[in-house]
Amino acid sequence: MPFFKKRTQESRWFNGDEGFNELYPASIRLLARRHWTPLHVARKAARFLAAENNARILDIGSGVGKFCLAAAYYKPTASYYGIEQRKTLTSHAETAGEILGFKNVSFIHGNFTQLDFRDYDHFYFYNSFFENIAGADKIDEDIDYSGELYNYYNRYLYKQLERKPAGTRLATFHSLEDEVPGGFHIVGSEMDNLLKFWIKV
């Protein structure tokens, strides 16, 4: 299929969030506003994270894969990986990926603490730990939640990012920044500081 024709077919999913969310069942679409990355955020984050060709970008807590799939469309020169501990959400992400036909996106069912962070260059984080805070809006009741888990996950991610080399990029959205080591410096922000761009120095 000619490249321009393929991009035209793909683009119908990227005209707006409402259209993109049609990739998912109704029950998943109901969660979109609170839990899935908006397309304009994915576009901005992808442009920052995929600064060099062939970058390997990890979405920590990727849900139904919206960030990875949108980023793969906006910046196709990078490879995107999503880690999600809910099998049902990973399945929805894989189904959406099959519809779009992107070859530079992979989804992993598991806990991010099982990954080797040396396999990835840059990171996207839409505060996937926040569900563990009492009173926070939750996707479902299929996993355990606790303040202890919130602290544990933040400490773990902090330590992993602390070990990454200078030049590592991080984009955070709605983050409380507990997971960001001091070596990362803010180099830009959008949306009243809800979306921040960091580089390790």
C-alpha atoms as a PDB file:
ATOM      1  CA  MET A   1       0.000   0.000   0.000  1.00  0.00           C
ATOM      2  CA  PRO A   2       1.432   3.429  -0.892  1.00  0.00           C
ATOM      3  CA  PHE A   3       2.657   5.343   2.164  1.00  0.00           C
ATOM      4  CA  PHE A   4       0.423   8.386   1.576  1.00  0.00           C
ATOM      5  CA  LYS A   5      -2.668   6.194   1.280  1.00  0.00           C
ATOM      6  CA  LYS A   6      -1.797   4.303   4.451  1.00  0.00           C
ATOM      7  CA  ARG A   7      -1.309   7.565   6.379  1.00  0.00           C
ATOM      8  CA  THR A   8      -4.662   8.839   5.112  1.00  0.00           C
ATOM      9  CA  GLN A   9      -6.381   5.721   6.397  1.00  0.00           C
ATOM     10  CA  GLU A  10      -4.610   5.995   9.746  1.00  0.00           C
ATOM     11  CA  SER A  11      -5.321   9.692  10.127  1.00  0.00           C
ATOM     12  CA  ARG A  12      -9.069   9.189  10.473  1.00  0.00           C
ATOM     13  CA  TRP A  13      -8.391   7.829  13.944  1.00  0.00           C
ATOM     14  CA  PHE A  14      -6.338  10.887  14.872  1.00  0.00           C
ATOM     15  CA  ASN A  15      -8.727  13.718  14.051  1.00  0.00           C
ATOM     16  CA  GLY A  16      -9.744  13.941  17.709  1.00  0.00           C
ATOM     17  CA  ASP A  17      -9.990  11.999  20.950  1.00  0.00           C
ATOM     18  CA  GLU A  18     -13.592  11.016  20.381  1.00  0.00           C
ATOM     19  CA  GLY A  19     -12.736   9.364  17.087  1.00  0.00           C
ATOM     20  CA  PHE A  20      -9.636   7.664  18.466  1.00  0.00           C
ATOM     21  CA  ASN A  21     -11.531   6.269  21.416  1.00  0.00           C
ATOM     22  CA  GLU A  22     -13.815   4.436  18.987  1.00  0.00           C
ATOM     23  CA  LEU A  23     -10.984   1.912  18.776  1.00  0.00           C
ATOM     24  CA  TYR A  24     -12.137   0.659  22.182  1.00  0.00           C
ATOM     25  CA  PRO A  25     -15.358  -0.812  23.642  1.00  0.00           C
ATOM     26  CA  ALA A  26     -17.892   1.529  25.249  1.00  0.00           C
ATOM     27  CA  SER A  27     -16.818   0.558  28.778  1.00  0.00           C
ATOM     28  CA  ILE A  28     -13.259   1.662  27.983  1.00  0.00           C
ATOM     29  CA  ARG A  29     -14.360   4.885  26.294  1.00  0.00           C
ATOM     30  CA  LEU A  30     -16.136   5.895  29.513  1.00  0.00           C
ATOM     31  CA  LEU A  31     -12.762   5.941  31.276  1.00  0.00           C
ATOM     32  CA  ALA A  32     -10.994   8.004  28.636  1.00  0.00           C
ATOM     33  CA  ARG A  33     -11.343  11.487  30.096  1.00  0.00           C
ATOM     34  CA  ARG A  34      -9.866  10.537  33.477  1.00  0.00           C
ATOM     35  CA  HIS A  35      -7.377   7.830  32.595  1.00  0.00           C
ATOM     36  CA  TRP A  36      -6.152   7.878  28.964  1.00  0.00           C
ATOM     37  CA  THR A  37      -3.695  10.384  27.518  1.00  0.00           C
ATOM     38  CA  PRO A  38      -5.336  13.014  25.259  1.00  0.00           C
ATOM     39  CA  LEU A  39      -4.023  13.054  21.700  1.00  0.00           C
ATOM     40  CA  HIS A  40      -2.601  16.566  21.931  1.00  0.00           C
ATOM     41  CA  VAL A  41      -0.613  15.543  25.019  1.00  0.00           C
ATOM     42  CA  ALA A  42       0.685  12.410  23.289  1.00  0.00           C
ATOM     43  CA  ARG A  43       1.779  14.507  20.309  1.00  0.00           C
ATOM     44  CA  LYS A  44       3.715  16.989  22.443  1.00  0.00           C
ATOM     45  CA  ALA A  45       5.309  14.264  24.592  1.00  0.00           C
ATOM     46  CA  ALA A  46       6.276  12.155  21.573  1.00  0.00           C
ATOM     47  CA  ARG A  47       7.970  15.093  19.874  1.00  0.00           C
ATOM     48  CA  PHE A  48      10.035  15.659  23.000  1.00  0.00           C
ATOM     49  CA  LEU A  49      10.852  12.032  23.789  1.00  0.00           C
ATOM     50  CA  ALA A  50      11.640  10.890  20.248  1.00  0.00           C
ATOM     51  CA  ALA A  51      14.392  13.458  19.811  1.00  0.00           C
ATOM     52  CA  GLU A  52      16.642  10.948  18.038  1.00  0.00           C
ATOM     53  CA  ASN A  53      15.789   8.213  15.578  1.00  0.00           C
ATOM     54  CA  ASN A  54      15.338   4.672  16.905  1.00  0.00           C
ATOM     55  CA  ALA A  55      14.781   5.816  20.494  1.00  0.00           C
ATOM     56  CA  ARG A  56      13.153   3.202  22.732  1.00  0.00           C
ATOM     57  CA  ILE A  57      10.413   4.873  24.761  1.00  0.00           C
ATOM     58  CA  LEU A  58       8.606   3.224  27.689  1.00  0.00           C
ATOM     59  CA  ASP A  59       5.140   4.206  28.920  1.00  0.00           C
ATOM     60  CA  ILE A  60       4.916   3.205  32.579  1.00  0.00           C
ATOM     61  CA  GLY A  61       1.353   2.076  33.251  1.00  0.00           C
ATOM     62  CA  SER A  62       0.185   2.181  29.648  1.00  0.00           C
ATOM     63  CA  GLY A  63      -3.480   1.269  30.202  1.00  0.00           C
ATOM     64  CA  VAL A  64      -5.174   0.662  26.845  1.00  0.00           C
ATOM     65  CA  GLY A  65      -2.112   1.889  24.961  1.00  0.00           C
ATOM     66  CA  LYS A  66      -3.354   5.268  23.822  1.00  0.00           C
ATOM     67  CA  PHE A  67      -0.107   7.140  24.400  1.00  0.00           C
ATOM     68  CA  CYS A  68       2.042   4.531  22.645  1.00  0.00           C
ATOM     69  CA  LEU A  69      -0.273   4.263  19.649  1.00  0.00           C
ATOM     70  CA  ALA A  70      -0.673   8.017  19.257  1.00  0.00           C
ATOM     71  CA  ALA A  71       3.055   8.607  19.713  1.00  0.00           C
ATOM     72  CA  ALA A  72       3.797   5.968  17.079  1.00  0.00           C
ATOM     73  CA  TYR A  73       1.628   7.918  14.651  1.00  0.00           C
ATOM     74  CA  TYR A  74       3.068  11.339  15.427  1.00  0.00           C
ATOM     75  CA  LYS A  75       6.735  10.269  15.711  1.00  0.00           C
ATOM     76  CA  PRO A  76       7.125   6.967  13.829  1.00  0.00           C
ATOM     77  CA  THR A  77      10.946   7.002  13.913  1.00  0.00           C
ATOM     78  CA  ALA A  78      10.962   5.724  17.519  1.00  0.00           C
ATOM     79  CA  SER A  79       9.841   2.453  19.103  1.00  0.00           C
ATOM     80  CA  TYR A  80       7.234   2.548  21.875  1.00  0.00           C
ATOM     81  CA  TYR A  81       6.670   0.049  24.668  1.00  0.00           C
ATOM     82  CA  GLY A  82       3.803   0.019  27.136  1.00  0.00           C
ATOM     83  CA  ILE A  83       3.851  -1.886  30.430  1.00  0.00           C
ATOM     84  CA  GLU A  84       0.485  -2.543  32.088  1.00  0.00           C
ATOM     85  CA  GLN A  85      -0.380  -4.895  34.940  1.00  0.00           C
ATOM     86  CA  ARG A  86      -4.036  -5.407  33.951  1.00  0.00           C
ATOM     87  CA  LYS A  87      -4.319  -8.143  31.335  1.00  0.00           C
ATOM     88  CA  THR A  88      -7.687  -6.863  30.060  1.00  0.00           C
ATOM     89  CA  LEU A  89      -6.249  -3.410  29.344  1.00  0.00           C
ATOM     90  CA  THR A  90      -3.205  -4.896  27.630  1.00  0.00           C
ATOM     91  CA  SER A  91      -5.557  -6.935  25.438  1.00  0.00           C
ATOM     92  CA  HIS A  92      -7.488  -3.791  24.462  1.00  0.00           C
ATOM     93  CA  ALA A  93      -4.179  -2.085  23.627  1.00  0.00           C
ATOM     94  CA  GLU A  94      -3.088  -4.987  21.438  1.00  0.00           C
ATOM     95  CA  THR A  95      -6.433  -5.052  19.628  1.00  0.00           C
ATOM     96  CA  ALA A  96      -6.236  -1.314  18.903  1.00  0.00           C
ATOM     97  CA  GLY A  97      -2.668  -1.783  17.720  1.00  0.00           C
ATOM     98  CA  GLU A  98      -3.750  -4.505  15.315  1.00  0.00           C
ATOM     99  CA  ILE A  99      -6.432  -2.224  13.857  1.00  0.00           C
ATOM    100  CA  LEU A 100      -3.898   0.567  13.328  1.00  0.00           C
ATOM    101  CA  GLY A 101      -1.236  -1.808  12.050  1.00  0.00           C
ATOM    102  CA  PHE A 102       1.719  -0.042  13.633  1.00  0.00           C
ATOM    103  CA  LYS A 103       4.932  -2.068  13.728  1.00  0.00           C
ATOM    104  CA  ASN A 104       6.828   0.129  16.186  1.00  0.00           C
ATOM    105  CA  VAL A 105       4.601  -0.477  19.236  1.00  0.00           C
ATOM    106  CA  SER A 106       4.737  -3.351  21.745  1.00  0.00           C
ATOM    107  CA  PHE A 107       2.663  -3.971  24.857  1.00  0.00           C
ATOM    108  CA  ILE A 108       3.808  -5.941  27.875  1.00  0.00           C
ATOM    109  CA  HIS A 109       1.486  -7.445  30.475  1.00  0.00           C
ATOM    110  CA  GLY A 110       3.206  -7.144  33.827  1.00  0.00           C
ATOM    111  CA  ASN A 111       4.427  -4.874  36.585  1.00  0.00           C
ATOM    112  CA  PHE A 112       6.986  -2.247  35.636  1.00  0.00           C
ATOM    113  CA  THR A 113       9.218  -3.435  38.492  1.00  0.00           C
ATOM    114  CA  GLN A 114       9.874  -6.576  36.421  1.00  0.00           C
ATOM    115  CA  LEU A 115      11.508  -4.626  33.595  1.00  0.00           C
ATOM    116  CA  ASP A 116      15.157  -3.891  32.961  1.00  0.00           C
ATOM    117  CA  PHE A 117      15.250  -0.114  32.499  1.00  0.00           C
ATOM    118  CA  ARG A 118      18.507  -0.432  30.573  1.00  0.00           C
ATOM    119  CA  ASP A 119      16.395  -1.647  27.642  1.00  0.00           C
ATOM    120  CA  TYR A 120      14.762   1.794  27.253  1.00  0.00           C
ATOM    121  CA  ASP A 121      16.083   5.248  26.450  1.00  0.00           C
ATOM    122  CA  HIS A 122      13.301   7.652  27.483  1.00  0.00           C
ATOM    123  CA  PHE A 123      10.106   7.499  29.529  1.00  0.00           C
ATOM    124  CA  TYR A 124       6.505   8.694  29.641  1.00  0.00           C
ATOM    125  CA  PHE A 125       4.616   8.752  32.948  1.00  0.00           C
ATOM    126  CA  TYR A 126       0.952   9.668  33.367  1.00  0.00           C
ATOM    127  CA  ASN A 127       0.943   9.207  37.158  1.00  0.00           C
ATOM    128  CA  SER A 128      -0.211   5.608  37.011  1.00  0.00           C
ATOM    129  CA  PHE A 129       0.530   5.190  40.735  1.00  0.00           C
ATOM    130  CA  PHE A 130      -2.037   7.785  41.824  1.00  0.00           C
ATOM    131  CA  GLU A 131      -4.825   5.187  41.995  1.00  0.00           C
ATOM    132  CA  ASN A 132      -3.197   3.934  45.195  1.00  0.00           C
ATOM    133  CA  ILE A 133      -4.022   7.160  47.041  1.00  0.00           C
ATOM    134  CA  ALA A 134      -7.167   6.907  49.133  1.00  0.00           C
ATOM    135  CA  GLY A 135     -10.146   8.546  47.442  1.00  0.00           C
ATOM    136  CA  ALA A 136      -8.506   8.631  44.003  1.00  0.00           C
ATOM    137  CA  ASP A 137     -10.596   7.655  40.984  1.00  0.00           C
ATOM    138  CA  LYS A 138      -9.756   4.063  40.055  1.00  0.00           C
ATOM    139  CA  ILE A 139      -9.999   2.246  36.734  1.00  0.00           C
ATOM    140  CA  ASP A 140     -11.361  -0.924  38.357  1.00  0.00           C
ATOM    141  CA  GLU A 141     -10.996  -3.128  41.423  1.00  0.00           C
ATOM    142  CA  ASP A 142      -8.940  -5.818  39.688  1.00  0.00           C
ATOM    143  CA  ILE A 143      -5.650  -4.951  41.405  1.00  0.00           C
ATOM    144  CA  ASP A 144      -4.567  -4.112  44.937  1.00  0.00           C
ATOM    145  CA  TYR A 145      -4.353  -0.488  46.044  1.00  0.00           C
ATOM    146  CA  SER A 146      -2.627   1.025  49.068  1.00  0.00           C
ATOM    147  CA  GLY A 147      -0.611   3.993  50.188  1.00  0.00           C
ATOM    148  CA  GLU A 148       2.277   1.611  50.762  1.00  0.00           C
ATOM    149  CA  LEU A 149       2.186   0.568  47.107  1.00  0.00           C
ATOM    150  CA  TYR A 150       2.127   4.212  46.030  1.00  0.00           C
ATOM    151  CA  ASN A 151       5.278   4.899  48.026  1.00  0.00           C
ATOM    152  CA  TYR A 152       6.966   1.673  46.921  1.00  0.00           C
ATOM    153  CA  TYR A 153       6.329   2.296  43.221  1.00  0.00           C
ATOM    154  CA  ASN A 154       7.514   5.880  43.447  1.00  0.00           C
ATOM    155  CA  ARG A 155      10.719   4.874  45.247  1.00  0.00           C
ATOM    156  CA  TYR A 156      11.356   2.092  42.752  1.00  0.00           C
ATOM    157  CA  LEU A 157      10.877   4.325  39.713  1.00  0.00           C
ATOM    158  CA  TYR A 158      12.976   7.049  41.343  1.00  0.00           C
ATOM    159  CA  LYS A 159      15.883   4.629  41.784  1.00  0.00           C
ATOM    160  CA  GLN A 160      15.594   3.305  38.235  1.00  0.00           C
ATOM    161  CA  LEU A 161      15.579   6.791  36.738  1.00  0.00           C
ATOM    162  CA  GLU A 162      18.462   7.793  38.996  1.00  0.00           C
ATOM    163  CA  ARG A 163      20.576   5.075  37.341  1.00  0.00           C
ATOM    164  CA  LYS A 164      19.881   6.269  33.814  1.00  0.00           C
ATOM    165  CA  PRO A 165      22.638   8.182  31.992  1.00  0.00           C
ATOM    166  CA  ALA A 166      22.770  11.891  31.282  1.00  0.00           C
ATOM    167  CA  GLY A 167      20.558  12.803  28.358  1.00  0.00           C
ATOM    168  CA  THR A 168      17.696  10.536  29.413  1.00  0.00           C
ATOM    169  CA  ARG A 169      14.353  12.222  28.730  1.00  0.00           C
ATOM    170  CA  LEU A 170      11.198  12.017  30.824  1.00  0.00           C
ATOM    171  CA  ALA A 171       7.740  13.416  30.124  1.00  0.00           C
ATOM    172  CA  THR A 172       5.319  13.543  33.066  1.00  0.00           C
ATOM    173  CA  PHE A 173       1.614  14.308  32.954  1.00  0.00           C
ATOM    174  CA  HIS A 174      -0.357  15.100  36.124  1.00  0.00           C
ATOM    175  CA  SER A 175       2.581  13.952  38.224  1.00  0.00           C
ATOM    176  CA  LEU A 176       3.224  14.836  41.856  1.00  0.00           C
ATOM    177  CA  GLU A 177       6.920  14.425  40.922  1.00  0.00           C
ATOM    178  CA  ASP A 178       7.735  12.047  43.789  1.00  0.00           C
ATOM    179  CA  GLU A 179       9.278   9.721  41.202  1.00  0.00           C
ATOM    180  CA  VAL A 180      11.633  12.293  39.622  1.00  0.00           C
ATOM    181  CA  PRO A 181      15.267  12.277  40.848  1.00  0.00           C
ATOM    182  CA  GLY A 182      17.108  15.529  41.410  1.00  0.00           C
ATOM    183  CA  GLY A 183      19.329  14.902  38.403  1.00  0.00           C
ATOM    184  CA  PHE A 184      16.420  15.557  36.053  1.00  0.00           C
ATOM    185  CA  HIS A 185      15.896  19.205  35.135  1.00  0.00           C
ATOM    186  CA  ILE A 186      12.727  20.706  33.686  1.00  0.00           C
ATOM    187  CA  VAL A 187      13.381  21.973  30.172  1.00  0.00           C
ATOM    188  CA  GLY A 188       9.800  22.817  29.262  1.00  0.00           C
ATOM    189  CA  SER A 189       6.178  22.603  30.341  1.00  0.00           C
ATOM    190  CA  GLU A 190       2.710  22.864  28.834  1.00  0.00           C
ATOM    191  CA  MET A 191      -0.888  23.036  30.000  1.00  0.00           C
ATOM    192  CA  ASP A 192      -0.290  25.083  33.155  1.00  0.00           C
ATOM    193  CA  ASN A 193       2.564  22.780  34.189  1.00  0.00           C
ATOM    194  CA  LEU A 194       0.461  19.608  34.011  1.00  0.00           C
ATOM    195  CA  LEU A 195       2.733  18.307  31.248  1.00  0.00           C
ATOM    196  CA  LYS A 196       6.445  18.635  31.988  1.00  0.00           C
ATOM    197  CA  PHE A 197       9.552  17.740  30.026  1.00  0.00           C
ATOM    198  CA  TRP A 198      12.712  16.667  31.834  1.00  0.00           C
ATOM    199  CA  ILE A 199      16.272  15.832  30.828  1.00  0.00           C
ATOM    200  CA  LYS A 200      18.858  14.211  33.074  1.00  0.00           C
ATOM    201  CA  VAL A 201      22.060  16.211  33.294  1.00  0.00           C
END
